[in-house]
Amino acid sequence: MKKIITHISAVLLTFLVMSCTSLTKEVAFPKMYEEKPVIFLIMPPINNSNNADAKDYFYTTLNVPMAEAGYYVLPPVMTMETLQRESAYDSERFINGDLKKFRQMFGADVAVFTVIKDWRKAPIGAKIIIEIDYIFRSTKTNEIIYRRDGKIVCDTSTGFNSSGSLLGSLVKLTADAVKTAVTDYWSIAVSCNQVALSDMPYGKYHPQYGADGKMTAMPTKVDMTSSK
């Protein structure tokens, strides 16, 4: 997993250095600095992909990057039970609706929605393609205060050199197929979340809280590649 994160971060850093934009956090996410949210509620992901397990992968890995950014993230297990009990498990019902009830129920400042647009194995080559839309909405104003569309293409090939022979090529295809089939999807979800949310303005519990406005922010839509 560490290898994946390091590789993606390197690609992302290269993108930022080469980019001509001078986008900063305070320009990209002004409402985050205005509202100064503290408590985040992770809503159950909306899974529009063909991978039935994708919802669980992302729900259990979203809290880490937000906590590391200095926010208090309500424990997913605890909130899941409450959401189910209150018939609020289906995030589709609330992603565009009034969120004040979640402020009353949990004391949350922000409701975090994720829409899993794509999670599939590429038809050609040993690659897994994932695309997630992250939507952070204020429970006070119902406005979007942070948004990111992140796409990650994970190369799961073995690196085996076929030497150009037909037999070698067949062996490589088989090895790549096996490795792709047993890929740790949880670690890919971790990597995608960490990088896609890496430019969040820092929260109250981060040592650089309030001093990161001039730091570089990414565009709303970001494409990433990684190796597994």
C-alpha atoms as a PDB file:
ATOM      1  CA  MET A   1       0.000   0.000   0.000  1.00  0.00           C
ATOM      2  CA  LYS A   2       2.839   2.399   0.828  1.00  0.00           C
ATOM      3  CA  LYS A   3       4.250   1.858  -2.671  1.00  0.00           C
ATOM      4  CA  ILE A   4       0.918   2.812  -4.234  1.00  0.00           C
ATOM      5  CA  ILE A   5       0.558   5.981  -2.201  1.00  0.00           C
ATOM      6  CA  THR A   6       4.152   7.048  -2.864  1.00  0.00           C
ATOM      7  CA  HIS A   7       3.789   6.488  -6.605  1.00  0.00           C
ATOM      8  CA  ILE A   8       0.498   8.369  -6.865  1.00  0.00           C
ATOM      9  CA  SER A   9       1.854  11.250  -4.807  1.00  0.00           C
ATOM     10  CA  ALA A  10       4.844  11.534  -7.141  1.00  0.00           C
ATOM     11  CA  VAL A  11       2.580  11.666 -10.180  1.00  0.00           C
ATOM     12  CA  LEU A  12       0.376  14.241  -8.516  1.00  0.00           C
ATOM     13  CA  LEU A  13       3.336  16.390  -7.489  1.00  0.00           C
ATOM     14  CA  THR A  14       4.632  16.335 -11.065  1.00  0.00           C
ATOM     15  CA  PHE A  15       1.231  17.444 -12.290  1.00  0.00           C
ATOM     16  CA  LEU A  16       1.166  20.361  -9.872  1.00  0.00           C
ATOM     17  CA  VAL A  17       4.689  21.495 -10.717  1.00  0.00           C
ATOM     18  CA  MET A  18       4.002  21.382 -14.456  1.00  0.00           C
ATOM     19  CA  SER A  19       0.626  23.076 -14.157  1.00  0.00           C
ATOM     20  CA  CYS A  20       0.364  26.729 -15.126  1.00  0.00           C
ATOM     21  CA  THR A  21      -2.400  27.384 -12.629  1.00  0.00           C
ATOM     22  CA  SER A  22      -1.783  29.366  -9.444  1.00  0.00           C
ATOM     23  CA  LEU A  23      -4.908  28.018  -7.737  1.00  0.00           C
ATOM     24  CA  THR A  24      -4.680  28.203  -3.959  1.00  0.00           C
ATOM     25  CA  LYS A  25      -6.779  26.587  -1.250  1.00  0.00           C
ATOM     26  CA  GLU A  26      -8.413  29.830  -0.166  1.00  0.00           C
ATOM     27  CA  VAL A  27      -9.447  30.571  -3.754  1.00  0.00           C
ATOM     28  CA  ALA A  28     -10.593  27.028  -4.511  1.00  0.00           C
ATOM     29  CA  PHE A  29     -12.474  26.420  -1.248  1.00  0.00           C
ATOM     30  CA  PRO A  30     -13.515  29.800   0.226  1.00  0.00           C
ATOM     31  CA  LYS A  31     -16.558  28.369   2.005  1.00  0.00           C
ATOM     32  CA  MET A  32     -14.361  25.976   4.001  1.00  0.00           C
ATOM     33  CA  TYR A  33     -12.495  28.968   5.422  1.00  0.00           C
ATOM     34  CA  GLU A  34     -15.700  30.924   6.014  1.00  0.00           C
ATOM     35  CA  GLU A  35     -17.566  28.184   7.860  1.00  0.00           C
ATOM     36  CA  LYS A  36     -14.586  26.623   9.665  1.00  0.00           C
ATOM     37  CA  PRO A  37     -16.232  23.176  10.036  1.00  0.00           C
ATOM     38  CA  VAL A  38     -15.069  20.878  12.811  1.00  0.00           C
ATOM     39  CA  ILE A  39     -17.220  17.723  12.761  1.00  0.00           C
ATOM     40  CA  PHE A  40     -17.686  15.576   9.659  1.00  0.00           C
ATOM     41  CA  LEU A  41     -20.364  12.952   9.053  1.00  0.00           C
ATOM     42  CA  ILE A  42     -19.563  10.348   6.383  1.00  0.00           C
ATOM     43  CA  MET A  43     -22.700   9.397   4.495  1.00  0.00           C
ATOM     44  CA  PRO A  44     -22.951   5.886   2.973  1.00  0.00           C
ATOM     45  CA  PRO A  45     -21.409   6.034  -0.539  1.00  0.00           C
ATOM     46  CA  ILE A  46     -23.684   6.031  -3.577  1.00  0.00           C
ATOM     47  CA  ASN A  47     -22.514   3.152  -5.732  1.00  0.00           C
ATOM     48  CA  ASN A  48     -23.207   3.611  -9.448  1.00  0.00           C
ATOM     49  CA  SER A  49     -20.510   1.131 -10.455  1.00  0.00           C
ATOM     50  CA  ASN A  50     -20.835  -2.572 -11.238  1.00  0.00           C
ATOM     51  CA  ASN A  51     -18.703  -3.541  -8.241  1.00  0.00           C
ATOM     52  CA  ALA A  52     -21.081  -4.505  -5.438  1.00  0.00           C
ATOM     53  CA  ASP A  53     -18.372  -4.244  -2.760  1.00  0.00           C
ATOM     54  CA  ALA A  54     -17.108  -0.779  -3.738  1.00  0.00           C
ATOM     55  CA  LYS A  55     -19.475   0.912  -1.270  1.00  0.00           C
ATOM     56  CA  ASP A  56     -17.892  -0.885   1.687  1.00  0.00           C
ATOM     57  CA  TYR A  57     -14.312  -0.199   0.499  1.00  0.00           C
ATOM     58  CA  PHE A  58     -14.890   3.542   0.431  1.00  0.00           C
ATOM     59  CA  TYR A  59     -17.075   3.861   3.498  1.00  0.00           C
ATOM     60  CA  THR A  60     -14.404   2.251   5.689  1.00  0.00           C
ATOM     61  CA  THR A  61     -11.453   4.247   4.299  1.00  0.00           C
ATOM     62  CA  LEU A  62     -12.791   7.803   4.052  1.00  0.00           C
ATOM     63  CA  ASN A  63     -12.315   8.810   7.677  1.00  0.00           C
ATOM     64  CA  VAL A  64      -8.499   8.576   7.732  1.00  0.00           C
ATOM     65  CA  PRO A  65      -7.533  11.422   5.335  1.00  0.00           C
ATOM     66  CA  MET A  66     -10.112  13.756   6.899  1.00  0.00           C
ATOM     67  CA  ALA A  67      -8.930  13.004  10.429  1.00  0.00           C
ATOM     68  CA  GLU A  68      -5.321  13.531   9.346  1.00  0.00           C
ATOM     69  CA  ALA A  69      -6.347  16.915   7.920  1.00  0.00           C
ATOM     70  CA  GLY A  70      -7.443  18.004  11.395  1.00  0.00           C
ATOM     71  CA  TYR A  71     -11.180  17.268  11.541  1.00  0.00           C
ATOM     72  CA  TYR A  72     -13.237  15.227  13.974  1.00  0.00           C
ATOM     73  CA  VAL A  73     -14.851  12.459  11.922  1.00  0.00           C
ATOM     74  CA  LEU A  74     -17.811  10.704  13.496  1.00  0.00           C
ATOM     75  CA  PRO A  75     -17.090   6.945  13.738  1.00  0.00           C
ATOM     76  CA  PRO A  76     -18.570   5.257  10.619  1.00  0.00           C
ATOM     77  CA  VAL A  77     -19.784   2.173  12.521  1.00  0.00           C
ATOM     78  CA  MET A  78     -21.674   4.251  15.061  1.00  0.00           C
ATOM     79  CA  THR A  79     -23.230   6.560  12.490  1.00  0.00           C
ATOM     80  CA  MET A  80     -24.157   3.682  10.183  1.00  0.00           C
ATOM     81  CA  GLU A  81     -26.298   2.101  12.905  1.00  0.00           C
ATOM     82  CA  THR A  82     -28.004   5.415  13.602  1.00  0.00           C
ATOM     83  CA  LEU A  83     -28.588   6.175   9.919  1.00  0.00           C
ATOM     84  CA  GLN A  84     -30.154   2.764   9.406  1.00  0.00           C
ATOM     85  CA  ARG A  85     -32.355   3.195  12.469  1.00  0.00           C
ATOM     86  CA  GLU A  86     -33.504   6.624  11.243  1.00  0.00           C
ATOM     87  CA  SER A  87     -34.160   5.344   7.682  1.00  0.00           C
ATOM     88  CA  ALA A  88     -31.380   7.587   6.382  1.00  0.00           C
ATOM     89  CA  TYR A  89     -29.100   4.893   4.967  1.00  0.00           C
ATOM     90  CA  ASP A  90     -29.777   5.747   1.299  1.00  0.00           C
ATOM     91  CA  SER A  91     -27.663   8.822   0.604  1.00  0.00           C
ATOM     92  CA  GLU A  92     -29.422   9.313  -2.741  1.00  0.00           C
ATOM     93  CA  ARG A  93     -32.347  10.753  -0.779  1.00  0.00           C
ATOM     94  CA  PHE A  94     -30.230  13.462   0.835  1.00  0.00           C
ATOM     95  CA  ILE A  95     -27.404  14.377  -1.536  1.00  0.00           C
ATOM     96  CA  ASN A  96     -29.460  17.266  -2.933  1.00  0.00           C
ATOM     97  CA  GLY A  97     -31.786  17.742   0.025  1.00  0.00           C
ATOM     98  CA  ASP A  98     -31.916  19.564   3.347  1.00  0.00           C
ATOM     99  CA  LEU A  99     -29.170  18.396   5.719  1.00  0.00           C
ATOM    100  CA  LYS A 100     -30.218  20.208   8.879  1.00  0.00           C
ATOM    101  CA  LYS A 101     -31.520  16.971  10.419  1.00  0.00           C
ATOM    102  CA  PHE A 102     -27.963  15.582  10.402  1.00  0.00           C
ATOM    103  CA  ARG A 103     -26.758  18.634  12.291  1.00  0.00           C
ATOM    104  CA  GLN A 104     -29.452  17.998  14.885  1.00  0.00           C
ATOM    105  CA  MET A 105     -28.865  14.229  15.085  1.00  0.00           C
ATOM    106  CA  PHE A 106     -25.056  14.171  15.103  1.00  0.00           C
ATOM    107  CA  GLY A 107     -23.885  17.739  15.655  1.00  0.00           C
ATOM    108  CA  ALA A 108     -22.125  17.501  12.279  1.00  0.00           C
ATOM    109  CA  ASP A 109     -20.986  20.593  10.428  1.00  0.00           C
ATOM    110  CA  VAL A 110     -20.434  18.775   7.129  1.00  0.00           C
ATOM    111  CA  ALA A 111     -22.058  15.776   5.458  1.00  0.00           C
ATOM    112  CA  VAL A 112     -19.594  13.952   3.210  1.00  0.00           C
ATOM    113  CA  PHE A 113     -21.113  12.315   0.134  1.00  0.00           C
ATOM    114  CA  THR A 114     -19.257  10.078  -2.307  1.00  0.00           C
ATOM    115  CA  VAL A 115     -20.572   8.901  -5.664  1.00  0.00           C
ATOM    116  CA  ILE A 116     -18.719   5.886  -7.059  1.00  0.00           C
ATOM    117  CA  LYS A 117     -19.016   6.458 -10.789  1.00  0.00           C
ATOM    118  CA  ASP A 118     -16.737   3.691 -11.971  1.00  0.00           C
ATOM    119  CA  TRP A 119     -14.904   0.670 -10.576  1.00  0.00           C
ATOM    120  CA  ARG A 120     -13.907  -1.875 -13.182  1.00  0.00           C
ATOM    121  CA  LYS A 121     -11.140  -3.904 -14.689  1.00  0.00           C
ATOM    122  CA  ALA A 122      -9.989  -2.538 -18.029  1.00  0.00           C
ATOM    123  CA  PRO A 123     -10.914  -4.817 -20.986  1.00  0.00           C
ATOM    124  CA  ILE A 124      -7.305  -4.661 -22.211  1.00  0.00           C
ATOM    125  CA  GLY A 125      -4.249  -4.803 -19.963  1.00  0.00           C
ATOM    126  CA  ALA A 126      -3.908  -5.384 -16.224  1.00  0.00           C
ATOM    127  CA  LYS A 127      -5.559  -2.198 -14.985  1.00  0.00           C
ATOM    128  CA  ILE A 128      -8.315  -1.227 -12.585  1.00  0.00           C
ATOM    129  CA  ILE A 129     -10.175   2.028 -13.247  1.00  0.00           C
ATOM    130  CA  ILE A 130     -11.926   3.909 -10.439  1.00  0.00           C
ATOM    131  CA  GLU A 131     -13.688   7.281 -10.482  1.00  0.00           C
ATOM    132  CA  ILE A 132     -15.174   8.931  -7.405  1.00  0.00           C
ATOM    133  CA  ASP A 133     -17.052  12.201  -6.938  1.00  0.00           C
ATOM    134  CA  TYR A 134     -16.496  13.673  -3.448  1.00  0.00           C
ATOM    135  CA  ILE A 135     -19.120  16.204  -2.341  1.00  0.00           C
ATOM    136  CA  PHE A 136     -18.830  17.952   1.036  1.00  0.00           C
ATOM    137  CA  ARG A 137     -22.005  19.863   1.955  1.00  0.00           C
ATOM    138  CA  SER A 138     -22.591  22.203   4.866  1.00  0.00           C
ATOM    139  CA  THR A 139     -25.343  21.122   7.265  1.00  0.00           C
ATOM    140  CA  LYS A 140     -25.937  24.803   8.058  1.00  0.00           C
ATOM    141  CA  THR A 141     -26.359  26.226   4.561  1.00  0.00           C
ATOM    142  CA  ASN A 142     -26.719  23.053   2.428  1.00  0.00           C
ATOM    143  CA  GLU A 143     -24.059  24.509   0.130  1.00  0.00           C
ATOM    144  CA  ILE A 144     -21.163  22.525  -1.346  1.00  0.00           C
ATOM    145  CA  ILE A 145     -17.984  23.668   0.408  1.00  0.00           C
ATOM    146  CA  TYR A 146     -15.526  21.167  -1.109  1.00  0.00           C
ATOM    147  CA  ARG A 147     -15.742  19.012  -4.226  1.00  0.00           C
ATOM    148  CA  ARG A 148     -13.384  16.690  -6.052  1.00  0.00           C
ATOM    149  CA  ASP A 149     -13.804  14.290  -8.971  1.00  0.00           C
ATOM    150  CA  GLY A 150     -10.913  11.846  -8.713  1.00  0.00           C
ATOM    151  CA  LYS A 151     -10.068   9.172 -11.267  1.00  0.00           C
ATOM    152  CA  ILE A 152      -7.379   6.572 -10.646  1.00  0.00           C
ATOM    153  CA  VAL A 153      -6.010   4.010 -13.071  1.00  0.00           C
ATOM    154  CA  CYS A 154      -4.157   1.312 -11.155  1.00  0.00           C
ATOM    155  CA  ASP A 155      -1.635  -0.795 -13.078  1.00  0.00           C
ATOM    156  CA  THR A 156      -1.732  -4.302 -11.618  1.00  0.00           C
ATOM    157  CA  SER A 157       0.678  -5.950 -14.072  1.00  0.00           C
ATOM    158  CA  THR A 158       3.422  -8.191 -12.699  1.00  0.00           C
ATOM    159  CA  GLY A 159       6.292  -6.559 -14.589  1.00  0.00           C
ATOM    160  CA  PHE A 160       7.196  -9.961 -16.037  1.00  0.00           C
ATOM    161  CA  ASN A 161       9.362  -9.735 -19.179  1.00  0.00           C
ATOM    162  CA  SER A 162       7.970 -12.051 -21.864  1.00  0.00           C
ATOM    163  CA  SER A 163      11.117 -11.739 -24.047  1.00  0.00           C
ATOM    164  CA  GLY A 164       8.861 -11.335 -27.064  1.00  0.00           C
ATOM    165  CA  SER A 165       8.023 -15.038 -27.421  1.00  0.00           C
ATOM    166  CA  LEU A 166       4.459 -16.279 -27.839  1.00  0.00           C
ATOM    167  CA  LEU A 167       4.781 -18.557 -24.812  1.00  0.00           C
ATOM    168  CA  GLY A 168       6.259 -15.744 -22.760  1.00  0.00           C
ATOM    169  CA  SER A 169       3.430 -13.423 -23.769  1.00  0.00           C
ATOM    170  CA  LEU A 170       0.839 -16.014 -22.754  1.00  0.00           C
ATOM    171  CA  VAL A 171       2.564 -16.511 -19.398  1.00  0.00           C
ATOM    172  CA  LYS A 172       2.618 -12.751 -18.808  1.00  0.00           C
ATOM    173  CA  LEU A 173      -1.071 -12.378 -19.693  1.00  0.00           C
ATOM    174  CA  THR A 174      -1.958 -15.196 -17.303  1.00  0.00           C
ATOM    175  CA  ALA A 175       0.188 -13.777 -14.487  1.00  0.00           C
ATOM    176  CA  ASP A 176      -1.265 -10.291 -14.951  1.00  0.00           C
ATOM    177  CA  ALA A 177      -4.819 -11.666 -14.939  1.00  0.00           C
ATOM    178  CA  VAL A 178      -4.205 -13.577 -11.709  1.00  0.00           C
ATOM    179  CA  LYS A 179      -2.623 -10.581  -9.976  1.00  0.00           C
ATOM    180  CA  THR A 180      -5.457  -8.289 -11.054  1.00  0.00           C
ATOM    181  CA  ALA A 181      -8.014 -10.780  -9.733  1.00  0.00           C
ATOM    182  CA  VAL A 182      -6.439 -10.862  -6.268  1.00  0.00           C
ATOM    183  CA  THR A 183      -5.619  -7.155  -6.014  1.00  0.00           C
ATOM    184  CA  ASP A 184      -6.265  -5.645  -2.592  1.00  0.00           C
ATOM    185  CA  TYR A 185      -9.106  -3.251  -3.467  1.00  0.00           C
ATOM    186  CA  TRP A 186      -9.167  -1.850   0.065  1.00  0.00           C
ATOM    187  CA  SER A 187      -5.625  -0.481  -0.331  1.00  0.00           C
ATOM    188  CA  ILE A 188      -6.577   1.081  -3.667  1.00  0.00           C
ATOM    189  CA  ALA A 189      -9.530   2.809  -1.989  1.00  0.00           C
ATOM    190  CA  VAL A 190      -7.198   4.104   0.740  1.00  0.00           C
ATOM    191  CA  SER A 191      -4.800   5.499  -1.855  1.00  0.00           C
ATOM    192  CA  CYS A 192      -7.529   7.114  -3.926  1.00  0.00           C
ATOM    193  CA  ASN A 193      -9.055   8.825  -0.893  1.00  0.00           C
ATOM    194  CA  GLN A 194      -5.743  10.044   0.501  1.00  0.00           C
ATOM    195  CA  VAL A 195      -4.593  11.629  -2.729  1.00  0.00           C
ATOM    196  CA  ALA A 196      -7.963  12.950  -3.898  1.00  0.00           C
ATOM    197  CA  LEU A 197      -8.466  14.752  -0.565  1.00  0.00           C
ATOM    198  CA  SER A 198      -4.846  15.816  -0.070  1.00  0.00           C
ATOM    199  CA  ASP A 199      -5.539  19.526  -0.656  1.00  0.00           C
ATOM    200  CA  MET A 200      -8.361  19.892   1.859  1.00  0.00           C
ATOM    201  CA  PRO A 201      -8.016  23.047   3.964  1.00  0.00           C
ATOM    202  CA  TYR A 202      -6.693  22.024   7.375  1.00  0.00           C
ATOM    203  CA  GLY A 203      -9.124  21.673  10.242  1.00  0.00           C
ATOM    204  CA  LYS A 204      -9.086  22.852  13.857  1.00  0.00           C
ATOM    205  CA  TYR A 205      -6.937  19.972  15.093  1.00  0.00           C
ATOM    206  CA  HIS A 206      -4.142  20.365  12.537  1.00  0.00           C
ATOM    207  CA  PRO A 207      -1.015  22.350  13.547  1.00  0.00           C
ATOM    208  CA  GLN A 208      -1.240  24.435  10.344  1.00  0.00           C
ATOM    209  CA  TYR A 209      -4.895  25.315  10.833  1.00  0.00           C
ATOM    210  CA  GLY A 210      -5.650  28.758   9.423  1.00  0.00           C
ATOM    211  CA  ALA A 211      -2.201  29.111   7.853  1.00  0.00           C
ATOM    212  CA  ASP A 212      -2.618  27.027   4.683  1.00  0.00           C
ATOM    213  CA  GLY A 213      -4.739  29.328   2.520  1.00  0.00           C
ATOM    214  CA  LYS A 214      -1.877  30.147   0.137  1.00  0.00           C
ATOM    215  CA  MET A 215      -0.964  26.491  -0.400  1.00  0.00           C
ATOM    216  CA  THR A 216      -1.595  24.988  -3.815  1.00  0.00           C
ATOM    217  CA  ALA A 217      -4.958  23.404  -4.543  1.00  0.00           C
ATOM    218  CA  MET A 218      -5.760  20.885  -7.251  1.00  0.00           C
ATOM    219  CA  PRO A 219      -8.379  21.353  -9.966  1.00  0.00           C
ATOM    220  CA  THR A 220     -11.852  20.003  -9.269  1.00  0.00           C
ATOM    221  CA  LYS A 221     -11.203  17.029 -11.561  1.00  0.00           C
ATOM    222  CA  VAL A 222      -7.951  15.093 -11.100  1.00  0.00           C
ATOM    223  CA  ASP A 223      -6.641  12.053 -13.018  1.00  0.00           C
ATOM    224  CA  MET A 224      -4.081   9.813 -11.296  1.00  0.00           C
ATOM    225  CA  THR A 225      -2.125   6.683 -12.153  1.00  0.00           C
ATOM    226  CA  SER A 226      -0.531   4.151  -9.859  1.00  0.00           C
ATOM    227  CA  SER A 227       1.227   0.812  -9.832  1.00  0.00           C
ATOM    228  CA  LYS A 228       0.299  -2.055  -7.521  1.00  0.00           C
END
